């Protein structure tokens, strides 16, 4: 008898939601399963950044540019539960507000100038802003900055809302959503090919399984007998009291780009400041590899607050209402794992996006849907091959 599902997606964060959404659009029968609630992991601890400004030319930037277009299309799509016609963008707080990267001195400006010139060859739009002109874009910025670059393609969504509405649209197309059930096994045949998954309460048969488990993507891979070296990279975000819109763009210091590209396990922090439609200002960003340690670090919070106040002096007297932390799913070469795993036929991966998963989710979902259906992908998926790190299947036979 034919399985009731064509694919099981493990993970109800924004990447899993995008995979389910595009697979459903492609006519597949989808089940999404998560051990917690929608956006209960990395997605719920994200800022919602949709960025091209922090990526150098290469596969990740190509993925980001595709996602930029897809997010705009999604924003104009009428989805179930969206208030009014064509307002998934409003429902997810999508804001095409642009980004502003600033430098403190002429040397920093020269680095930004070179970076923007390289990005332009890949289709990124950026305009240089002189130090004296920064106030026209951000009136409350520090007055002593050397200048910056404005990136009009950068945008933002509310990540939990984005995941919820993508899943709602997938469910309207027939997808099944199963929450609060951990996947205990990925069932395979003796040749390693996938048969489906088993949760705490049920068995889900399907010829394809998508690993969209974020920071826990390595654990899910091991359930299928393969290795994927996903590691957690902890980050904190400060949330201020509600304010008038004193920060208009996503604004960050030039050293943020270097922090994103770094593979260091040590603590790194750089100024990242942005407003939200609800009023609070979000302040980041920090990165460190400390496993799944959720300890609140006062030192990190102090650094973030100091960095933000140096960039926006007006924030010095603003109250911080709360802080939260999350774990970015980090892979050693800073590229996500997307697509079919030849070590376990029928297993697909969509994880390891580090801090860019929200921005890269739609393109990831489209690539996964194309591979699931045999369609021609919109960009070359080979740089994201899950087996590029090696790791042989475990010879355990059918589970």
Protein backbone atom coordinates (compact mmCIF):
# COMPACT_ATOMS: atom_id res chain seq x y z
CA UNK A 1 0.00 0.00 0.00
CA UNK A 2 1.29 3.47 -0.86
CA UNK A 3 2.60 5.61 1.99
CA UNK A 4 0.30 8.49 2.99
CA UNK A 5 3.27 10.85 2.79
CA UNK A 6 5.82 11.59 0.09
CA UNK A 7 8.17 13.34 2.50
CA UNK A 8 8.61 13.87 6.23
CA UNK A 9 10.28 17.14 7.26
CA UNK A 10 12.00 17.04 10.66
CA UNK A 11 11.94 20.54 12.15
CA UNK A 12 9.26 23.23 12.43
CA UNK A 13 11.60 26.19 12.33
CA UNK A 14 11.64 28.58 9.41
CA UNK A 15 13.85 26.34 7.22
CA UNK A 16 11.64 23.29 7.79
CA UNK A 17 8.57 25.46 7.22
CA UNK A 18 9.97 26.69 3.89
CA UNK A 19 10.79 23.13 2.82
CA UNK A 20 7.25 22.04 3.67
CA UNK A 21 5.72 25.05 1.93
CA UNK A 22 7.55 24.61 -1.36
CA UNK A 23 7.21 20.82 -1.33
CA UNK A 24 3.46 21.22 -0.87
CA UNK A 25 3.33 23.76 -3.71
CA UNK A 26 5.09 21.16 -5.85
CA UNK A 27 2.25 18.72 -5.21
CA UNK A 28 3.91 16.49 -2.60
CA UNK A 29 2.16 15.06 0.45
CA UNK A 30 4.12 16.41 3.41
CA UNK A 31 4.32 15.74 7.13
CA UNK A 32 6.27 18.09 9.43
CA UNK A 33 7.34 16.78 12.83
CA UNK A 34 9.07 18.61 15.67
CA UNK A 35 9.82 17.67 19.27
CA UNK A 36 8.72 21.14 20.39
CA UNK A 37 6.49 23.98 19.16
CA UNK A 38 6.74 25.92 15.91
CA UNK A 39 9.94 28.01 15.92
CA UNK A 40 10.92 26.52 19.28
CA UNK A 41 14.64 26.35 18.48
CA UNK A 42 17.04 28.66 16.66
CA UNK A 43 14.26 30.38 14.68
CA UNK A 44 12.54 31.65 17.82
CA UNK A 45 15.81 33.15 19.06
CA UNK A 46 16.66 34.95 15.82
CA UNK A 47 16.44 38.59 14.83
CA UNK A 48 14.86 37.87 11.45
CA UNK A 49 17.65 39.22 9.27
CA UNK A 50 17.38 38.79 5.49
CA UNK A 51 20.85 39.93 4.44
CA UNK A 52 23.03 40.11 1.38
CA UNK A 53 25.28 42.83 2.82
CA UNK A 54 27.39 40.50 4.99
CA UNK A 55 28.17 37.87 2.34
CA UNK A 56 31.12 37.76 -0.03
CA UNK A 57 30.66 36.51 -3.61
CA UNK A 58 30.16 32.77 -3.70
CA UNK A 59 27.53 30.07 -3.13
CA UNK A 60 26.03 31.57 0.05
CA UNK A 61 25.57 34.97 -1.58
CA UNK A 62 23.94 33.31 -4.60
CA UNK A 63 21.57 31.56 -2.21
CA UNK A 64 20.88 34.85 -0.39
CA UNK A 65 20.08 36.70 -3.62
CA UNK A 66 17.63 33.98 -4.64
CA UNK A 67 16.05 34.14 -1.19
CA UNK A 68 15.80 37.93 -1.40
CA UNK A 69 13.62 37.56 -4.49
CA UNK A 70 11.57 34.76 -2.93
CA UNK A 71 10.95 36.69 0.30
CA UNK A 72 9.60 39.58 -1.77
CA UNK A 73 7.30 37.17 -3.62
CA UNK A 74 6.15 35.64 -0.34
CA UNK A 75 5.48 39.09 1.10
CA UNK A 76 3.02 39.73 -1.72
CA UNK A 77 1.31 36.35 -1.36
CA UNK A 78 -2.10 35.99 0.25
CA UNK A 79 -1.80 33.17 2.75
CA UNK A 80 -4.23 31.48 5.15
CA UNK A 81 -4.69 33.66 8.19
CA UNK A 82 -3.02 36.68 6.62
CA UNK A 83 -5.08 39.82 7.29
CA UNK A 84 -6.38 40.92 3.90
CA UNK A 85 -5.33 40.33 0.30
CA UNK A 86 -1.69 39.80 -0.53
CA UNK A 87 -0.43 40.43 2.98
CA UNK A 88 1.80 37.58 4.08
CA UNK A 89 4.35 40.37 4.32
CA UNK A 90 2.24 42.21 6.89
CA UNK A 91 1.49 39.00 8.77
CA UNK A 92 5.20 38.23 9.11
CA UNK A 93 6.29 41.87 9.70
CA UNK A 94 8.33 41.81 6.49
CA UNK A 95 10.24 45.08 6.13
CA UNK A 96 12.40 45.82 3.05
CA UNK A 97 14.12 48.52 5.07
CA UNK A 98 17.68 48.06 3.83
CA UNK A 99 20.93 47.74 5.72
CA UNK A 100 23.61 50.24 6.64
CA UNK A 101 27.17 49.07 7.31
CA UNK A 102 29.34 51.72 8.94
CA UNK A 103 33.07 52.24 9.46
CA UNK A 104 34.73 54.18 12.26
CA UNK A 105 37.84 55.26 10.34
CA UNK A 106 39.16 55.66 6.76
CA UNK A 107 40.86 52.26 6.85
CA UNK A 108 37.54 50.61 7.65
CA UNK A 109 35.88 52.52 4.83
CA UNK A 110 38.46 51.28 2.36
CA UNK A 111 37.75 47.70 3.40
CA UNK A 112 34.00 48.26 2.96
CA UNK A 113 34.64 49.88 -0.42
CA UNK A 114 36.57 46.86 -1.67
CA UNK A 115 34.00 44.43 -0.25
CA UNK A 116 31.11 46.25 -1.94
CA UNK A 117 32.96 46.30 -5.27
CA UNK A 118 33.40 42.52 -5.10
CA UNK A 119 29.74 42.03 -4.19
CA UNK A 120 28.61 44.20 -7.11
CA UNK A 121 29.97 41.58 -9.54
CA UNK A 122 27.45 39.13 -8.09
CA UNK A 123 24.44 41.46 -8.31
CA UNK A 124 24.46 43.11 -4.90
CA UNK A 125 23.33 46.75 -4.80
CA UNK A 126 25.29 49.05 -2.52
CA UNK A 127 25.81 52.82 -2.35
CA UNK A 128 28.62 54.56 -0.52
CA UNK A 129 27.54 57.10 2.11
CA UNK A 130 29.99 59.76 3.28
CA UNK A 131 30.40 60.32 6.99
CA UNK A 132 28.61 63.65 6.92
CA UNK A 133 25.67 62.12 5.08
CA UNK A 134 24.99 59.20 7.43
CA UNK A 135 22.63 61.35 9.48
CA UNK A 136 20.25 61.62 6.54
CA UNK A 137 19.70 57.85 6.76
CA UNK A 138 20.08 57.45 10.53
CA UNK A 139 19.71 60.74 12.45
CA UNK A 140 20.76 59.21 15.79
CA UNK A 141 24.03 57.63 14.64
CA UNK A 142 27.28 58.69 16.30
CA UNK A 143 28.67 61.77 14.60
CA UNK A 144 32.30 60.65 14.37
CA UNK A 145 31.89 57.75 11.89
CA UNK A 146 33.95 57.81 8.70
CA UNK A 147 31.07 56.63 6.50
CA UNK A 148 29.31 53.50 5.37
CA UNK A 149 27.48 51.62 2.66
CA UNK A 150 23.74 51.40 2.18
CA UNK A 151 22.35 48.02 1.03
CA UNK A 152 18.75 48.43 -0.19
CA UNK A 153 18.24 44.67 -0.69
CA UNK A 154 18.51 43.88 3.03
CA UNK A 155 15.24 43.23 4.83
CA UNK A 156 13.75 41.78 8.01
CA UNK A 157 10.90 39.52 9.13
CA UNK A 158 9.63 38.41 12.50
CA UNK A 159 11.06 34.85 12.37
CA UNK A 160 8.52 32.98 14.50
CA UNK A 161 5.66 34.55 12.54
CA UNK A 162 7.39 33.68 9.26
CA UNK A 163 7.68 30.01 10.26
CA UNK A 164 4.10 29.90 11.53
CA UNK A 165 2.59 31.42 8.40
CA UNK A 166 4.64 29.27 6.01
CA UNK A 167 3.46 26.19 7.91
CA UNK A 168 -0.11 27.47 7.89
CA UNK A 169 0.07 27.83 4.12
CA UNK A 170 1.56 24.35 3.81
CA UNK A 171 -1.24 22.91 5.95
CA UNK A 172 -3.80 24.63 3.74
CA UNK A 173 -2.18 22.70 0.88
CA UNK A 174 -2.59 19.39 2.69
CA UNK A 175 0.52 19.12 4.87
CA UNK A 176 0.27 17.47 8.28
CA UNK A 177 1.89 19.17 11.29
CA UNK A 178 2.92 17.04 14.28
CA UNK A 179 4.31 18.95 17.27
CA UNK A 180 5.65 17.81 20.62
CA UNK A 181 6.98 14.49 19.32
CA UNK A 182 10.69 13.79 19.04
CA UNK A 183 11.94 11.65 16.18
CA UNK A 184 13.51 8.58 17.77
CA UNK A 185 14.62 6.78 14.60
CA UNK A 186 15.06 7.27 10.89
CA UNK A 187 14.12 3.87 9.51
CA UNK A 188 16.30 2.52 6.71
CA UNK A 189 16.65 -0.56 4.55
CA UNK A 190 19.75 -2.75 4.56
CA UNK A 191 21.23 -0.60 1.77
CA UNK A 192 20.81 2.56 3.87
CA UNK A 193 17.85 3.97 1.92
CA UNK A 194 15.14 5.72 3.87
CA UNK A 195 11.78 4.19 4.80
CA UNK A 196 10.47 6.93 7.10
CA UNK A 197 10.73 7.94 10.75
CA UNK A 198 9.48 6.80 14.13
CA UNK A 199 8.50 9.33 16.77
CA UNK A 200 7.64 8.85 20.42
CA UNK A 201 4.06 8.04 19.46
CA UNK A 202 3.84 6.96 15.84
CA UNK A 203 5.47 5.64 12.72
CA UNK A 204 5.53 7.86 9.64
CA UNK A 205 6.26 6.07 6.38
CA UNK A 206 7.76 8.07 3.51
CA UNK A 207 10.36 7.51 0.79
CA UNK A 208 12.01 10.85 1.65
CA UNK A 209 13.02 12.53 4.91
CA UNK A 210 14.27 16.12 5.17
CA UNK A 211 16.60 16.93 8.06
CA UNK A 212 15.72 20.53 8.92
CA UNK A 213 16.54 20.14 12.59
CA UNK A 214 18.83 23.18 12.81
CA UNK A 215 21.42 22.91 15.56
CA UNK A 216 20.35 19.30 16.13
CA UNK A 217 20.88 18.42 12.46
CA UNK A 218 23.94 16.34 13.33
CA UNK A 219 21.90 14.21 15.74
CA UNK A 220 19.21 13.59 13.12
CA UNK A 221 21.87 12.68 10.55
CA UNK A 222 23.28 10.09 12.94
CA UNK A 223 19.83 8.56 13.30
CA UNK A 224 20.10 7.79 9.57
CA UNK A 225 23.64 6.42 9.97
CA UNK A 226 25.57 9.36 8.49
CA UNK A 227 27.76 12.09 9.92
CA UNK A 228 27.14 15.82 9.53
CA UNK A 229 29.39 18.02 11.72
CA UNK A 230 26.80 20.57 12.89
CA UNK A 231 27.92 22.47 15.99
CA UNK A 232 26.07 25.04 18.13
CA UNK A 233 27.36 28.62 18.14
CA UNK A 234 25.75 30.63 20.93
CA UNK A 235 24.57 34.20 20.53
CA UNK A 236 22.74 36.76 22.67
CA UNK A 237 20.29 39.53 21.77
CA UNK A 238 19.20 42.47 23.93
CA UNK A 239 15.65 43.83 23.61
CA UNK A 240 14.98 47.41 24.68
CA UNK A 241 11.79 49.03 25.91
CA UNK A 242 9.40 50.10 23.10
CA UNK A 243 10.64 53.27 21.43
CA UNK A 244 9.71 55.59 18.58
CA UNK A 245 11.42 54.52 15.35
CA UNK A 246 14.86 55.87 16.19
CA UNK A 247 16.67 53.17 14.16
CA UNK A 248 15.41 53.00 10.59
CA UNK A 249 17.66 50.35 9.02
CA UNK A 250 19.57 47.31 10.11
CA UNK A 251 22.79 49.04 11.17
CA UNK A 252 26.00 47.27 11.96
CA UNK A 253 29.71 47.95 12.28
CA UNK A 254 32.15 46.71 9.65
CA UNK A 255 33.73 44.13 11.97
CA UNK A 256 30.44 42.18 12.00
CA UNK A 257 31.30 40.83 8.52
CA UNK A 258 34.59 39.42 9.81
CA UNK A 259 32.84 37.86 12.84
CA UNK A 260 30.33 36.08 10.59
CA UNK A 261 33.12 34.61 8.46
CA UNK A 262 35.30 33.61 11.42
CA UNK A 263 35.59 30.01 12.53
CA UNK A 264 36.93 30.93 15.97
CA UNK A 265 35.37 29.27 18.99
CA UNK A 266 36.19 32.29 21.17
CA UNK A 267 33.74 35.04 22.06
CA UNK A 268 33.29 37.66 19.36
CA UNK A 269 31.01 40.67 19.55
CA UNK A 270 30.22 43.53 17.19
CA UNK A 271 27.59 46.23 17.07
CA UNK A 272 24.33 45.27 15.33
CA UNK A 273 21.30 47.48 15.97
CA UNK A 274 17.83 47.52 14.40
CA UNK A 275 14.34 48.73 15.17
CA UNK A 276 11.17 46.66 14.94
CA UNK A 277 7.56 47.47 13.98
CA UNK A 278 6.53 46.85 17.59
CA UNK A 279 8.91 49.49 18.96
CA UNK A 280 11.71 47.63 20.78
CA UNK A 281 15.24 47.89 19.40
CA UNK A 282 17.15 44.61 18.96
CA UNK A 283 20.86 44.68 19.85
CA UNK A 284 23.44 42.04 18.90
CA UNK A 285 25.59 40.34 17.96
CA UNK A 286 27.77 37.83 19.76
CA UNK A 287 29.20 34.47 18.70
CA UNK A 288 30.95 31.77 20.68
CA UNK A 289 31.18 27.99 20.63
CA UNK A 290 30.38 26.74 24.12
CA UNK A 291 28.26 23.72 23.30
CA UNK A 292 24.65 23.99 24.44
CA UNK A 293 25.54 26.02 27.54
CA UNK A 294 22.57 28.35 28.15
CA UNK A 295 24.20 30.29 30.99
CA UNK A 296 23.40 33.98 30.83
CA UNK A 297 26.71 35.81 30.35
CA UNK A 298 26.73 39.26 31.96
CA UNK A 299 30.01 40.04 30.20
CA UNK A 300 28.49 39.40 26.76
CA UNK A 301 25.44 41.52 27.59
CA UNK A 302 27.69 44.35 28.80
CA UNK A 303 29.69 44.21 25.57
CA UNK A 304 26.57 44.28 23.40
CA UNK A 305 25.12 47.24 25.27
CA UNK A 306 28.42 49.15 25.06
CA UNK A 307 28.83 48.47 21.35
CA UNK A 308 25.28 49.64 20.63
CA UNK A 309 25.63 52.81 22.72
CA UNK A 310 28.85 53.70 20.90
CA UNK A 311 27.02 53.44 17.59
CA UNK A 312 23.78 55.09 18.78
CA UNK A 313 24.51 57.36 21.79
CA UNK A 314 20.76 57.92 22.25
CA UNK A 315 20.51 54.32 23.54
CA UNK A 316 22.62 55.08 26.62
CA UNK A 317 19.54 56.08 28.62
CA UNK A 318 17.21 53.41 27.21
CA UNK A 319 16.12 50.50 29.38
CA UNK A 320 16.81 46.92 28.30
CA UNK A 321 13.72 44.87 29.05
CA UNK A 322 15.10 41.42 28.41
CA UNK A 323 17.84 39.35 26.80
CA UNK A 324 17.61 36.02 25.06
CA UNK A 325 20.04 33.52 23.65
CA UNK A 326 20.03 31.01 20.85
CA UNK A 327 22.32 28.53 19.11
CA UNK A 328 23.27 28.96 15.48
CA UNK A 329 23.80 25.68 13.58
CA UNK A 330 27.42 26.00 12.47
CA UNK A 331 29.22 23.91 9.83
CA UNK A 332 33.03 24.19 9.47
CA UNK A 333 33.04 25.75 5.99
CA UNK A 334 30.23 28.24 6.80
CA UNK A 335 27.93 26.79 4.13
CA UNK A 336 24.67 24.99 4.89
CA UNK A 337 24.04 21.38 3.96
CA UNK A 338 21.23 21.36 1.40
CA UNK A 339 20.01 18.46 -0.68
CA UNK A 340 20.16 14.71 -1.15
CA UNK A 341 22.62 12.65 0.88
CA UNK A 342 24.01 9.88 -1.37
CA UNK A 343 25.12 7.95 1.72
CA UNK A 344 21.46 7.36 2.68
CA UNK A 345 19.20 7.49 -0.40
CA UNK A 346 15.99 9.32 0.40
CA UNK A 347 17.60 11.46 3.11
CA UNK A 348 17.82 15.21 2.41
CA UNK A 349 19.46 17.83 4.56
CA UNK A 350 18.44 21.47 5.06
CA UNK A 351 20.50 22.63 8.03
CA UNK A 352 23.76 24.26 9.06
CA UNK A 353 22.85 27.81 7.97
CA UNK A 354 24.47 29.33 11.09
CA UNK A 355 22.97 32.83 11.64
CA UNK A 356 21.57 33.15 8.11
CA UNK A 357 18.86 30.48 8.20
CA UNK A 358 15.93 32.88 8.27
CA UNK A 359 17.25 34.81 5.31
CA UNK A 360 18.18 31.66 3.35
CA UNK A 361 15.06 29.63 4.17
CA UNK A 362 13.01 30.21 0.97
CA UNK A 363 15.89 29.38 -1.39
CA UNK A 364 16.67 26.30 0.70
CA UNK A 365 13.05 25.18 0.47
CA UNK A 366 13.02 25.69 -3.29
CA UNK A 367 16.21 23.68 -3.75
CA UNK A 368 14.86 20.84 -1.61
CA UNK A 369 11.52 20.81 -3.47
CA UNK A 370 13.34 20.73 -6.82
CA UNK A 371 15.42 17.73 -5.76
CA UNK A 372 12.41 15.94 -4.33
CA UNK A 373 10.49 16.29 -7.59
CA UNK A 374 13.35 16.03 -10.08
CA UNK A 375 12.89 19.63 -11.26
CA UNK A 376 15.76 21.79 -12.50
CA UNK A 377 17.08 23.83 -9.53
CA UNK A 378 17.36 27.60 -9.78
CA UNK A 379 21.03 27.53 -8.82
CA UNK A 380 23.78 24.94 -8.58
CA UNK A 381 23.26 22.92 -5.37
CA UNK A 382 26.65 21.15 -5.49
CA UNK A 383 28.49 23.52 -3.07
CA UNK A 384 25.96 22.54 -0.40
CA UNK A 385 26.35 18.75 -0.80
CA UNK A 386 25.80 17.15 2.62
CA UNK A 387 28.46 14.49 2.02
CA UNK A 388 31.26 17.00 1.40
CA UNK A 389 32.59 16.43 4.93
CA UNK A 390 32.87 12.65 4.50
CA UNK A 391 31.50 10.21 7.06
CA UNK A 392 30.34 6.78 5.96
CA UNK A 393 26.94 5.27 6.75
CA UNK A 394 26.80 3.09 9.81
CA UNK A 395 26.34 -0.56 8.78
CA UNK A 396 23.32 -1.24 10.96
CA UNK A 397 20.85 -2.36 8.31
CA UNK A 398 17.14 -1.75 8.59
CA UNK A 399 16.08 0.05 11.75
